[in-house]
């Protein structure tokens, strides 16, 4: 399935879920919340790099922001 390229606010819940399944879950900046599955996962780019991502989630790969996870590395949700 192709990832929809349209404004985040216009994406359906299913399109967002597909994006997280196909792209986000493989990114080093993505963390899953302990209380839920993939649908509760968030992008922690701003917490790690101290500045905004600068693109929509659908554009991360094209803009070079996406950073593939290596090996079995998993990050739990950051607790504040």
PDB file of N, CA and C in Angstrom:
ATOM      1  N   UNK A   1       0.840  -1.183   0.000  1.00  0.00           N
ATOM      2  CA  UNK A   1       0.000   0.000   0.000  1.00  0.00           C
ATOM      3  C   UNK A   1       0.881   1.241   0.000  1.00  0.00           C
ATOM      4  N   UNK A   2       0.548   2.212  -0.791  1.00  0.00           N
ATOM      5  CA  UNK A   2       1.307   3.449  -0.900  1.00  0.00           C
ATOM      6  C   UNK A   2       0.962   4.385   0.256  1.00  0.00           C
ATOM      7  N   UNK A   3       1.985   5.070   0.758  1.00  0.00           N
ATOM      8  CA  UNK A   3       1.786   6.029   1.843  1.00  0.00           C
ATOM      9  C   UNK A   3       1.193   7.299   1.251  1.00  0.00           C
ATOM     10  N   UNK A   4       0.093   7.743   1.823  1.00  0.00           N
ATOM     11  CA  UNK A   4      -0.601   8.941   1.339  1.00  0.00           C
ATOM     12  C   UNK A   4       0.252  10.173   1.594  1.00  0.00           C
ATOM     13  N   UNK A   5       0.344  11.039   0.595  1.00  0.00           N
ATOM     14  CA  UNK A   5       1.081  12.290   0.752  1.00  0.00           C
ATOM     15  C   UNK A   5       0.075  13.421   0.679  1.00  0.00           C
ATOM     16  N   UNK A   6      -0.464  13.765   1.836  1.00  0.00           N
ATOM     17  CA  UNK A   6      -1.392  14.875   1.956  1.00  0.00           C
ATOM     18  C   UNK A   6      -1.246  15.455   3.349  1.00  0.00           C
ATOM     19  N   UNK A   7      -1.773  16.642   3.595  1.00  0.00           N
ATOM     20  CA  UNK A   7      -1.612  17.264   4.908  1.00  0.00           C
ATOM     21  C   UNK A   7      -2.057  16.335   6.039  1.00  0.00           C
ATOM     22  N   UNK A   8      -1.292  16.369   7.128  1.00  0.00           N
ATOM     23  CA  UNK A   8      -1.537  15.490   8.277  1.00  0.00           C
ATOM     24  C   UNK A   8      -2.974  15.602   8.786  1.00  0.00           C
ATOM     25  N   UNK A   9      -3.520  16.798   8.836  1.00  0.00           N
ATOM     26  CA  UNK A   9      -4.870  17.012   9.325  1.00  0.00           C
ATOM     27  C   UNK A   9      -5.952  16.421   8.439  1.00  0.00           C
ATOM     28  N   UNK A  10      -5.626  16.151   7.187  1.00  0.00           N
ATOM     29  CA  UNK A  10      -6.593  15.573   6.251  1.00  0.00           C
ATOM     30  C   UNK A  10      -6.483  14.058   6.130  1.00  0.00           C
ATOM     31  N   UNK A  11      -5.498  13.471   6.800  1.00  0.00           N
ATOM     32  CA  UNK A  11      -5.329  12.021   6.726  1.00  0.00           C
ATOM     33  C   UNK A  11      -6.345  11.319   7.615  1.00  0.00           C
ATOM     34  N   UNK A  12      -6.851  10.199   7.144  1.00  0.00           N
ATOM     35  CA  UNK A  12      -7.784   9.405   7.935  1.00  0.00           C
ATOM     36  C   UNK A  12      -7.005   8.608   8.983  1.00  0.00           C
ATOM     37  N   UNK A  13      -7.701   8.084   9.947  1.00  0.00           N
ATOM     38  CA  UNK A  13      -7.079   7.269  10.989  1.00  0.00           C
ATOM     39  C   UNK A  13      -6.384   6.070  10.353  1.00  0.00           C
ATOM     40  N   UNK A  14      -7.010   5.485   9.357  1.00  0.00           N
ATOM     41  CA  UNK A  14      -6.422   4.316   8.678  1.00  0.00           C
ATOM     42  C   UNK A  14      -5.137   4.684   7.940  1.00  0.00           C
ATOM     43  N   UNK A  15      -5.099   5.851   7.302  1.00  0.00           N
ATOM     44  CA  UNK A  15      -3.894   6.297   6.599  1.00  0.00           C
ATOM     45  C   UNK A  15      -2.752   6.550   7.579  1.00  0.00           C
ATOM     46  N   UNK A  16      -3.059   7.119   8.730  1.00  0.00           N
ATOM     47  CA  UNK A  16      -2.037   7.350   9.760  1.00  0.00           C
ATOM     48  C   UNK A  16      -1.520   6.019  10.287  1.00  0.00           C
ATOM     49  N   UNK A  17      -2.416   5.080  10.507  1.00  0.00           N
ATOM     50  CA  UNK A  17      -2.031   3.749  10.968  1.00  0.00           C
ATOM     51  C   UNK A  17      -1.115   3.062   9.945  1.00  0.00           C
ATOM     52  N   UNK A  18      -1.449   3.194   8.662  1.00  0.00           N
ATOM     53  CA  UNK A  18      -0.615   2.611   7.609  1.00  0.00           C
ATOM     54  C   UNK A  18       0.773   3.241   7.592  1.00  0.00           C
ATOM     55  N   UNK A  19       0.841   4.560   7.773  1.00  0.00           N
ATOM     56  CA  UNK A  19       2.127   5.256   7.810  1.00  0.00           C
ATOM     57  C   UNK A  19       2.983   4.741   8.963  1.00  0.00           C
ATOM     58  N   UNK A  20       2.379   4.601  10.132  1.00  0.00           N
ATOM     59  CA  UNK A  20       3.121   4.098  11.292  1.00  0.00           C
ATOM     60  C   UNK A  20       3.581   2.665  11.067  1.00  0.00           C
ATOM     61  N   UNK A  21       2.742   1.866  10.433  1.00  0.00           N
ATOM     62  CA  UNK A  21       3.065   0.458  10.170  1.00  0.00           C
ATOM     63  C   UNK A  21       4.174   0.313   9.128  1.00  0.00           C
ATOM     64  N   UNK A  22       4.099   1.070   8.056  1.00  0.00           N
ATOM     65  CA  UNK A  22       5.040   0.919   6.945  1.00  0.00           C
ATOM     66  C   UNK A  22       6.341   1.688   7.153  1.00  0.00           C
ATOM     67  N   UNK A  23       6.306   2.805   7.851  1.00  0.00           N
ATOM     68  CA  UNK A  23       7.483   3.672   7.938  1.00  0.00           C
ATOM     69  C   UNK A  23       7.913   3.952   9.373  1.00  0.00           C
ATOM     70  N   UNK A  24       7.043   4.539  10.165  1.00  0.00           N
ATOM     71  CA  UNK A  24       7.433   5.046  11.485  1.00  0.00           C
ATOM     72  C   UNK A  24       7.995   3.974  12.413  1.00  0.00           C
ATOM     73  N   UNK A  25       7.412   2.802  12.429  1.00  0.00           N
ATOM     74  CA  UNK A  25       7.866   1.779  13.376  1.00  0.00           C
ATOM     75  C   UNK A  25       9.285   1.306  13.089  1.00  0.00           C
ATOM     76  N   UNK A  26       9.803   1.618  11.911  1.00  0.00           N
ATOM     77  CA  UNK A  26      11.158   1.240  11.549  1.00  0.00           C
ATOM     78  C   UNK A  26      12.159   2.373  11.811  1.00  0.00           C
ATOM     79  N   UNK A  27      11.672   3.506  12.307  1.00  0.00           N
ATOM     80  CA  UNK A  27      12.508   4.685  12.535  1.00  0.00           C
ATOM     81  C   UNK A  27      13.042   4.693  13.964  1.00  0.00           C
ATOM     82  N   UNK A  28      14.271   5.162  14.120  1.00  0.00           N
ATOM     83  CA  UNK A  28      14.911   5.225  15.430  1.00  0.00           C
ATOM     84  C   UNK A  28      14.236   6.241  16.355  1.00  0.00           C
ATOM     85  N   UNK A  29      13.548   7.209  15.803  1.00  0.00           N
ATOM     86  CA  UNK A  29      12.894   8.243  16.610  1.00  0.00           C
ATOM     87  C   UNK A  29      11.508   7.831  17.097  1.00  0.00           C
ATOM     88  N   UNK A  30      10.986   6.717  16.622  1.00  0.00           N
ATOM     89  CA  UNK A  30       9.639   6.269  16.979  1.00  0.00           C
ATOM     90  C   UNK A  30       9.677   5.468  18.271  1.00  0.00           C
ATOM     91  N   UNK A  31       8.768   5.773  19.193  1.00  0.00           N
ATOM     92  CA  UNK A  31       8.664   4.982  20.416  1.00  0.00           C
ATOM     93  C   UNK A  31       7.211   4.612  20.656  1.00  0.00           C
ATOM     94  N   UNK A  32       7.025   3.380  21.099  1.00  0.00           N
ATOM     95  CA  UNK A  32       5.679   2.907  21.403  1.00  0.00           C
ATOM     96  C   UNK A  32       5.356   3.213  22.849  1.00  0.00           C
ATOM     97  N   UNK A  33       4.115   3.596  23.089  1.00  0.00           N
ATOM     98  CA  UNK A  33       3.637   3.852  24.432  1.00  0.00           C
ATOM     99  C   UNK A  33       3.394   2.510  25.113  1.00  0.00           C
ATOM    100  N   UNK A  34       3.705   2.410  26.385  1.00  0.00           N
ATOM    101  CA  UNK A  34       3.536   1.153  27.115  1.00  0.00           C
ATOM    102  C   UNK A  34       2.074   0.744  27.276  1.00  0.00           C
ATOM    103  N   UNK A  35       1.149   1.686  27.165  1.00  0.00           N
ATOM    104  CA  UNK A  35      -0.255   1.366  27.397  1.00  0.00           C
ATOM    105  C   UNK A  35      -0.983   0.902  26.144  1.00  0.00           C
ATOM    106  N   UNK A  36      -0.338   0.908  25.020  1.00  0.00           N
ATOM    107  CA  UNK A  36      -1.030   0.512  23.798  1.00  0.00           C
ATOM    108  C   UNK A  36      -0.067  -0.016  22.762  1.00  0.00           C
ATOM    109  N   UNK A  37      -0.605  -0.316  21.622  1.00  0.00           N
ATOM    110  CA  UNK A  37       0.191  -0.850  20.539  1.00  0.00           C
ATOM    111  C   UNK A  37       0.774   0.244  19.673  1.00  0.00           C
ATOM    112  N   UNK A  38       0.936  -0.088  18.439  1.00  0.00           N
ATOM    113  CA  UNK A  38       1.536   0.805  17.453  1.00  0.00           C
ATOM    114  C   UNK A  38       0.761   2.104  17.281  1.00  0.00           C
ATOM    115  N   UNK A  39      -0.551   2.049  17.419  1.00  0.00           N
ATOM    116  CA  UNK A  39      -1.373   3.241  17.207  1.00  0.00           C
ATOM    117  C   UNK A  39      -1.107   4.336  18.242  1.00  0.00           C
ATOM    118  N   UNK A  40      -0.533   3.991  19.392  1.00  0.00           N
ATOM    119  CA  UNK A  40      -0.224   4.977  20.425  1.00  0.00           C
ATOM    120  C   UNK A  40       1.230   5.439  20.363  1.00  0.00           C
ATOM    121  N   UNK A  41       1.977   4.967  19.379  1.00  0.00           N
ATOM    122  CA  UNK A  41       3.373   5.345  19.241  1.00  0.00           C
ATOM    123  C   UNK A  41       3.528   6.802  18.815  1.00  0.00           C
ATOM    124  N   UNK A  42       4.654   7.394  19.186  1.00  0.00           N
ATOM    125  CA  UNK A  42       4.905   8.796  18.864  1.00  0.00           C
ATOM    126  C   UNK A  42       6.298   8.979  18.269  1.00  0.00           C
ATOM    127  N   UNK A  43       6.479  10.091  17.582  1.00  0.00           N
ATOM    128  CA  UNK A  43       7.787  10.471  17.059  1.00  0.00           C
ATOM    129  C   UNK A  43       8.477  11.328  18.119  1.00  0.00           C
ATOM    130  N   UNK A  44       9.624  10.860  18.591  1.00  0.00           N
ATOM    131  CA  UNK A  44      10.356  11.559  19.637  1.00  0.00           C
ATOM    132  C   UNK A  44      11.518  12.383  19.088  1.00  0.00           C
ATOM    133  N   UNK A  45      11.466  12.753  17.827  1.00  0.00           N
ATOM    134  CA  UNK A  45      12.533  13.526  17.199  1.00  0.00           C
ATOM    135  C   UNK A  45      12.837  14.803  17.983  1.00  0.00           C
ATOM    136  N   UNK A  46      11.810  15.547  18.341  1.00  0.00           N
ATOM    137  CA  UNK A  46      12.006  16.826  19.038  1.00  0.00           C
ATOM    138  C   UNK A  46      12.609  16.624  20.434  1.00  0.00           C
ATOM    139  N   UNK A  47      12.303  15.523  21.099  1.00  0.00           N
ATOM    140  CA  UNK A  47      12.860  15.250  22.422  1.00  0.00           C
ATOM    141  C   UNK A  47      14.337  14.868  22.350  1.00  0.00           C
ATOM    142  N   UNK A  48      14.717  14.198  21.280  1.00  0.00           N
ATOM    143  CA  UNK A  48      16.086  13.729  21.123  1.00  0.00           C
ATOM    144  C   UNK A  48      17.008  14.832  20.587  1.00  0.00           C
ATOM    145  N   UNK A  49      16.526  15.617  19.619  1.00  0.00           N
ATOM    146  CA  UNK A  49      17.363  16.609  18.937  1.00  0.00           C
ATOM    147  C   UNK A  49      17.138  18.052  19.384  1.00  0.00           C
ATOM    148  N   UNK A  50      16.202  18.284  20.279  1.00  0.00           N
ATOM    149  CA  UNK A  50      15.911  19.622  20.809  1.00  0.00           C
ATOM    150  C   UNK A  50      15.458  20.629  19.753  1.00  0.00           C
ATOM    151  N   UNK A  51      14.950  20.163  18.635  1.00  0.00           N
ATOM    152  CA  UNK A  51      14.329  21.055  17.647  1.00  0.00           C
ATOM    153  C   UNK A  51      13.326  20.252  16.830  1.00  0.00           C
ATOM    154  N   UNK A  52      12.431  20.976  16.165  1.00  0.00           N
ATOM    155  CA  UNK A  52      11.369  20.305  15.404  1.00  0.00           C
ATOM    156  C   UNK A  52      11.935  19.548  14.206  1.00  0.00           C
ATOM    157  N   UNK A  53      11.173  18.589  13.758  1.00  0.00           N
ATOM    158  CA  UNK A  53      11.550  17.742  12.635  1.00  0.00           C
ATOM    159  C   UNK A  53      11.657  18.534  11.340  1.00  0.00           C
ATOM    160  N   UNK A  54      10.814  19.520  11.140  1.00  0.00           N
ATOM    161  CA  UNK A  54      10.882  20.369   9.953  1.00  0.00           C
ATOM    162  C   UNK A  54      10.165  19.816   8.738  1.00  0.00           C
ATOM    163  N   UNK A  55       9.415  18.755   8.915  1.00  0.00           N
ATOM    164  CA  UNK A  55       8.646  18.189   7.799  1.00  0.00           C
ATOM    165  C   UNK A  55       7.456  17.412   8.349  1.00  0.00           C
ATOM    166  N   UNK A  56       6.540  17.086   7.470  1.00  0.00           N
ATOM    167  CA  UNK A  56       5.420  16.230   7.846  1.00  0.00           C
ATOM    168  C   UNK A  56       5.921  14.797   8.005  1.00  0.00           C
ATOM    169  N   UNK A  57       5.237  13.961   8.770  1.00  0.00           N
ATOM    170  CA  UNK A  57       5.649  12.573   8.920  1.00  0.00           C
ATOM    171  C   UNK A  57       5.713  11.818   7.586  1.00  0.00           C
ATOM    172  N   UNK A  58       4.906  12.222   6.625  1.00  0.00           N
ATOM    173  CA  UNK A  58       4.923  11.559   5.317  1.00  0.00           C
ATOM    174  C   UNK A  58       6.147  11.935   4.496  1.00  0.00           C
ATOM    175  N   UNK A  59       6.877  12.975   4.898  1.00  0.00           N
ATOM    176  CA  UNK A  59       8.028  13.464   4.134  1.00  0.00           C
ATOM    177  C   UNK A  59       9.377  13.122   4.772  1.00  0.00           C
ATOM    178  N   UNK A  60       9.394  12.415   5.873  1.00  0.00           N
ATOM    179  CA  UNK A  60      10.633  12.139   6.599  1.00  0.00           C
ATOM    180  C   UNK A  60      11.678  11.431   5.741  1.00  0.00           C
ATOM    181  N   UNK A  61      11.270  10.440   4.981  1.00  0.00           N
ATOM    182  CA  UNK A  61      12.214   9.688   4.155  1.00  0.00           C
ATOM    183  C   UNK A  61      12.763  10.581   3.050  1.00  0.00           C
ATOM    184  N   UNK A  62      11.888  11.321   2.365  1.00  0.00           N
ATOM    185  CA  UNK A  62      12.305  12.194   1.261  1.00  0.00           C
ATOM    186  C   UNK A  62      13.258  13.292   1.740  1.00  0.00           C
ATOM    187  N   UNK A  63      13.042  13.835   2.933  1.00  0.00           N
ATOM    188  CA  UNK A  63      13.850  14.942   3.444  1.00  0.00           C
ATOM    189  C   UNK A  63      15.089  14.480   4.210  1.00  0.00           C
ATOM    190  N   UNK A  64      15.266  13.176   4.369  1.00  0.00           N
ATOM    191  CA  UNK A  64      16.449  12.647   5.036  1.00  0.00           C
ATOM    192  C   UNK A  64      16.397  12.656   6.552  1.00  0.00           C
ATOM    193  N   UNK A  65      15.226  12.853   7.132  1.00  0.00           N
ATOM    194  CA  UNK A  65      15.066  12.857   8.593  1.00  0.00           C
ATOM    195  C   UNK A  65      14.972  11.427   9.131  1.00  0.00           C
ATOM    196  N   UNK A  66      14.330  10.549   8.371  1.00  0.00           N
ATOM    197  CA  UNK A  66      14.118   9.157   8.769  1.00  0.00           C
ATOM    198  C   UNK A  66      15.471   8.489   9.046  1.00  0.00           C
ATOM    199  N   UNK A  67      15.560   7.819  10.179  1.00  0.00           N
ATOM    200  CA  UNK A  67      16.785   7.129  10.571  1.00  0.00           C
ATOM    201  C   UNK A  67      16.409   5.699  10.947  1.00  0.00           C
ATOM    202  N   UNK A  68      16.775   4.745  10.095  1.00  0.00           N
ATOM    203  CA  UNK A  68      16.381   3.345  10.302  1.00  0.00           C
ATOM    204  C   UNK A  68      16.997   2.788  11.579  1.00  0.00           C
ATOM    205  N   UNK A  69      16.170   2.048  12.313  1.00  0.00           N
ATOM    206  CA  UNK A  69      16.639   1.366  13.522  1.00  0.00           C
ATOM    207  C   UNK A  69      17.655   0.306  13.134  1.00  0.00           C
ATOM    208  N   UNK A  70      18.616   0.098  13.994  1.00  0.00           N
ATOM    209  CA  UNK A  70      19.620  -0.930  13.739  1.00  0.00           C
ATOM    210  C   UNK A  70      19.427  -2.083  14.703  1.00  0.00           C
ATOM    211  N   UNK A  71      19.483  -3.282  14.202  1.00  0.00           N
ATOM    212  CA  UNK A  71      19.371  -4.476  15.030  1.00  0.00           C
ATOM    213  C   UNK A  71      18.072  -4.559  15.798  1.00  0.00           C
ATOM    214  N   UNK A  72      18.159  -5.065  17.013  1.00  0.00           N
ATOM    215  CA  UNK A  72      16.975  -5.253  17.858  1.00  0.00           C
ATOM    216  C   UNK A  72      16.785  -4.079  18.812  1.00  0.00           C
ATOM    217  N   UNK A  73      17.359  -2.945  18.484  1.00  0.00           N
ATOM    218  CA  UNK A  73      17.270  -1.780  19.368  1.00  0.00           C
ATOM    219  C   UNK A  73      15.822  -1.320  19.484  1.00  0.00           C
ATOM    220  N   UNK A  74      15.345  -1.188  20.669  1.00  0.00           N
ATOM    221  CA  UNK A  74      13.980  -0.732  20.924  1.00  0.00           C
ATOM    222  C   UNK A  74      14.035   0.331  22.004  1.00  0.00           C
ATOM    223  N   UNK A  75      13.227   1.340  21.856  1.00  0.00           N
ATOM    224  CA  UNK A  75      13.188   2.406  22.861  1.00  0.00           C
ATOM    225  C   UNK A  75      11.799   2.433  23.477  1.00  0.00           C
ATOM    226  N   UNK A  76      11.760   2.415  24.786  1.00  0.00           N
ATOM    227  CA  UNK A  76      10.484   2.566  25.484  1.00  0.00           C
ATOM    228  C   UNK A  76      10.084   4.041  25.434  1.00  0.00           C
ATOM    229  N   UNK A  77       8.854   4.326  25.682  1.00  0.00           N
ATOM    230  CA  UNK A  77       8.378   5.711  25.692  1.00  0.00           C
ATOM    231  C   UNK A  77       9.133   6.506  26.757  1.00  0.00           C
ATOM    232  N   UNK A  78       9.502   7.721  26.420  1.00  0.00           N
ATOM    233  CA  UNK A  78      10.189   8.576  27.378  1.00  0.00           C
ATOM    234  C   UNK A  78       9.204   9.043  28.434  1.00  0.00           C
ATOM    235  N   UNK A  79       9.607   8.967  29.664  1.00  0.00           N
ATOM    236  CA  UNK A  79       8.738   9.390  30.762  1.00  0.00           C
ATOM    237  C   UNK A  79       9.260  10.709  31.310  1.00  0.00           C
ATOM    238  N   UNK A  80       8.356  11.646  31.450  1.00  0.00           N
ATOM    239  CA  UNK A  80       8.736  12.972  31.944  1.00  0.00           C
ATOM    240  C   UNK A  80       8.169  13.178  33.325  1.00  0.00           C
TER     241      UNK A  80
END
